[in-house]
N, C-alpha and C. Protein backbone atom coordinates (compact mmCIF):
# COMPACT_ATOMS: atom_id res chain seq x y z
N UNK A 1 87.53 100.26 89.00
CA UNK A 1 86.46 101.21 89.65
C UNK A 1 86.75 101.74 90.45
N UNK A 2 86.11 103.26 90.62
CA UNK A 2 86.79 103.78 91.72
C UNK A 2 85.46 104.18 92.39
N UNK A 3 85.40 103.24 93.71
CA UNK A 3 84.24 102.87 94.36
C UNK A 3 84.50 102.53 95.73
N UNK A 4 83.89 102.41 96.71
CA UNK A 4 83.97 102.14 98.20
C UNK A 4 84.89 100.88 98.22
N UNK A 5 84.35 100.03 97.67
CA UNK A 5 85.34 98.98 97.36
C UNK A 5 86.71 99.07 97.41
N UNK A 6 86.98 99.52 96.17
CA UNK A 6 88.54 100.13 96.01
C UNK A 6 88.90 100.76 96.91
N UNK A 7 88.64 102.06 97.40
CA UNK A 7 89.19 102.56 98.90
C UNK A 7 89.31 101.63 99.87
N UNK A 8 88.20 100.72 100.35
CA UNK A 8 88.57 99.40 101.37
C UNK A 8 89.93 98.63 100.86
N UNK A 9 89.78 98.68 99.64
CA UNK A 9 91.07 97.53 99.55
C UNK A 9 92.24 98.26 99.44
N UNK A 10 92.44 99.12 99.07
CA UNK A 10 93.53 99.88 99.37
C UNK A 10 93.96 100.39 100.67
N UNK A 11 92.88 100.59 101.46
CA UNK A 11 93.06 101.36 102.90
C UNK A 11 93.42 99.98 103.69
N UNK A 12 92.94 98.84 103.16
CA UNK A 12 93.94 97.37 103.81
C UNK A 12 94.63 97.23 103.57
N UNK A 13 95.09 97.44 102.54
CA UNK A 13 96.84 97.25 101.96
C UNK A 13 97.38 98.03 102.87
N UNK A 14 97.13 99.41 102.57
CA UNK A 14 97.92 100.41 103.70
C UNK A 14 98.20 99.80 105.16
N UNK A 15 96.87 99.27 105.70
CA UNK A 15 97.16 98.77 107.20
C UNK A 15 98.03 97.57 107.24
N UNK A 16 97.90 96.59 106.49
CA UNK A 16 98.92 95.67 106.27
C UNK A 16 100.17 96.04 105.88
N UNK A 17 100.68 96.70 105.31
CA UNK A 17 102.01 97.37 104.85
C UNK A 17 102.58 98.01 106.08
N UNK A 18 102.15 99.23 106.58
CA UNK A 18 102.38 99.73 107.39
C UNK A 18 102.72 99.01 108.76
N UNK A 19 101.55 98.23 109.26
CA UNK A 19 101.62 97.22 110.44
C UNK A 19 102.87 96.37 110.39
N UNK A 20 103.26 95.96 108.92
CA UNK A 20 104.26 94.89 108.98
C UNK A 20 105.79 95.76 108.87
N UNK A 21 105.84 97.18 108.63
CA UNK A 21 106.99 98.06 109.10
C UNK A 21 107.35 98.57 110.67
N UNK A 22 106.16 98.24 111.32
CA UNK A 22 105.98 98.53 112.57
C UNK A 22 106.05 99.97 112.78
N UNK A 23 105.00 100.46 111.78
CA UNK A 23 104.33 102.13 111.88
C UNK A 23 103.11 102.34 112.49
N UNK A 24 103.20 103.27 112.77
CA UNK A 24 101.65 103.39 113.13
C UNK A 24 100.70 103.23 111.78
N UNK A 25 99.51 103.02 112.29
CA UNK A 25 98.37 102.67 111.10
C UNK A 25 97.53 104.37 111.90
N UNK A 26 98.28 105.33 110.88
CA UNK A 26 97.55 106.76 111.24
C UNK A 26 96.71 107.39 109.51
N UNK A 27 96.34 108.17 110.18
CA UNK A 27 95.69 108.76 108.76
C UNK A 27 96.81 109.36 107.90
N UNK A 28 97.60 109.87 108.86
CA UNK A 28 99.12 110.88 108.03
C UNK A 28 99.67 109.74 107.25
N UNK A 29 100.05 108.70 108.01
CA UNK A 29 100.86 107.55 107.28
C UNK A 29 100.24 107.26 105.81
N UNK A 30 99.04 106.89 106.03
CA UNK A 30 98.22 106.35 104.86
C UNK A 30 98.18 107.18 103.67
N UNK A 31 98.20 108.50 103.97
CA UNK A 31 97.98 109.96 103.16
C UNK A 31 99.39 110.05 102.16
N UNK A 32 100.68 109.95 103.49
CA UNK A 32 102.00 109.80 102.83
C UNK A 32 101.86 108.75 101.50
N UNK A 33 101.66 107.61 101.92
CA UNK A 33 102.17 106.09 100.92
C UNK A 33 101.05 106.60 99.76
N UNK A 34 99.77 107.12 99.85
CA UNK A 34 99.00 107.28 98.36
C UNK A 34 99.86 108.37 97.68
N UNK A 35 100.47 108.85 98.89
CA UNK A 35 100.57 110.45 97.80
C UNK A 35 102.40 109.95 96.86
N UNK A 36 102.97 109.25 97.61
CA UNK A 36 104.15 108.42 97.01
C UNK A 36 104.63 107.22 96.83
N UNK A 37 103.11 106.89 96.13
CA UNK A 37 103.10 105.23 95.44
C UNK A 37 103.05 105.27 94.06
N UNK A 38 103.81 104.84 93.09
CA UNK A 38 103.84 104.69 91.84
C UNK A 38 103.13 103.94 91.19
N UNK A 39 102.38 102.92 91.99
CA UNK A 39 101.51 101.90 91.43
C UNK A 39 100.25 102.48 91.39
N UNK A 40 99.75 103.97 91.56
CA UNK A 40 98.39 104.39 91.70
C UNK A 40 98.46 105.61 90.25
N UNK A 41 97.49 105.03 89.79
CA UNK A 41 97.44 106.34 88.70
C UNK A 41 97.08 107.88 89.57
N UNK A 42 96.87 109.17 89.04
CA UNK A 42 97.20 109.85 89.34
C UNK A 42 95.32 109.97 89.59
N UNK A 43 94.55 109.69 88.88
CA UNK A 43 92.97 109.75 89.34
C UNK A 43 92.92 108.55 90.56
N UNK A 44 93.31 107.45 90.39
CA UNK A 44 93.08 106.58 91.75
C UNK A 44 93.86 107.18 92.78
N UNK A 45 94.66 108.06 92.60
CA UNK A 45 95.17 108.89 93.91
C UNK A 45 94.59 109.77 94.84
N UNK A 46 93.97 110.58 93.78
CA UNK A 46 93.06 111.88 94.21
C UNK A 46 92.04 111.21 94.31
N UNK A 47 91.54 109.99 94.09
CA UNK A 47 90.01 109.31 94.63
C UNK A 47 90.03 109.04 95.63
N UNK A 48 91.31 108.16 96.32
CA UNK A 48 91.90 107.65 97.64
C UNK A 48 91.94 109.24 98.61
N UNK A 49 92.65 109.87 98.36
CA UNK A 49 92.92 111.16 98.90
C UNK A 49 91.87 111.94 99.55
N UNK A 50 90.78 112.07 98.61
CA UNK A 50 89.68 112.68 98.54
C UNK A 50 88.67 111.84 99.64
N UNK A 51 88.43 110.35 99.53
CA UNK A 51 87.98 109.57 100.58
C UNK A 51 88.58 109.76 102.07
N UNK A 52 89.62 109.37 101.87
CA UNK A 52 90.58 109.54 103.32
C UNK A 52 90.19 111.07 104.06
N UNK A 53 90.13 112.04 103.03
CA UNK A 53 90.01 113.29 103.60
C UNK A 53 88.72 113.39 104.29
N UNK A 54 87.46 112.59 103.68
CA UNK A 54 86.11 112.86 104.48
C UNK A 54 86.12 112.08 105.51
N UNK A 55 87.13 110.78 105.45
CA UNK A 55 87.23 109.76 106.69
C UNK A 55 87.79 110.75 107.82
N UNK A 56 88.79 111.37 107.68
CA UNK A 56 89.22 112.26 108.43
C UNK A 56 88.69 112.98 109.25
N UNK A 57 87.69 114.10 108.53
CA UNK A 57 86.38 114.97 108.90
C UNK A 57 85.51 114.16 109.96
N UNK A 58 85.37 112.96 109.68
CA UNK A 58 84.34 112.40 110.45
C UNK A 58 85.17 111.32 111.81
N UNK A 59 86.29 111.27 111.61
CA UNK A 59 87.00 110.82 112.79
C UNK A 59 87.86 111.88 113.43
N UNK A 60 88.06 113.19 113.58
CA UNK A 60 88.99 114.32 114.19
C UNK A 60 87.99 114.32 115.20
N UNK A 61 89.21 114.14 116.33
CA UNK A 61 88.95 114.36 117.83
C UNK A 61 89.84 115.39 118.22
N UNK A 62 89.61 116.37 118.65
CA UNK A 62 90.79 117.15 119.45
C UNK A 62 91.88 116.30 120.26
N UNK A 63 92.79 116.72 119.88
CA UNK A 63 94.02 115.97 120.99
C UNK A 63 94.27 114.45 120.70
N UNK A 64 93.83 113.97 119.56
CA UNK A 64 94.11 112.56 118.90
C UNK A 64 94.98 112.47 117.79
N UNK A 65 95.64 111.49 117.95
CA UNK A 65 96.50 111.45 116.51
C UNK A 65 95.92 110.69 115.19
N UNK A 66 94.92 110.36 115.41
CA UNK A 66 94.29 109.41 114.51
C UNK A 66 94.52 108.17 114.32
N UNK A 67 95.19 107.25 115.07
CA UNK A 67 95.60 106.15 115.02
C UNK A 67 94.88 105.22 115.37
N UNK A 68 95.05 104.35 114.16
CA UNK A 68 93.53 103.34 114.05
C UNK A 68 94.17 102.03 115.14
N UNK A 69 93.09 101.65 115.93
CA UNK A 69 93.51 100.40 116.71
C UNK A 69 92.45 99.36 116.62
N UNK A 70 92.90 98.37 116.49
CA UNK A 70 92.40 97.05 116.23
C UNK A 70 92.61 96.06 117.38
N UNK A 71 91.23 96.23 117.56
CA UNK A 71 90.64 94.67 118.71
C UNK A 71 90.65 93.74 118.60
N UNK A 72 90.59 92.31 119.28
CA UNK A 72 90.15 91.20 119.03
C UNK A 72 88.80 91.18 119.46
């Protein structure tokens, strides 16, 4: 089901993958993963990318790279 839970589970998977590869957890890197993964259907990929675009609009701050930072 394409809903908020699906989006968050896929987002979490991207965070884990990018972190394990030593990559920045950025919106651009997440977008690249979702555009280039064969494990997602076209419908799933389009849904995730549209949700990511909405998130990006909410987090846009001039001069920032939109890198997620996790704190304890």
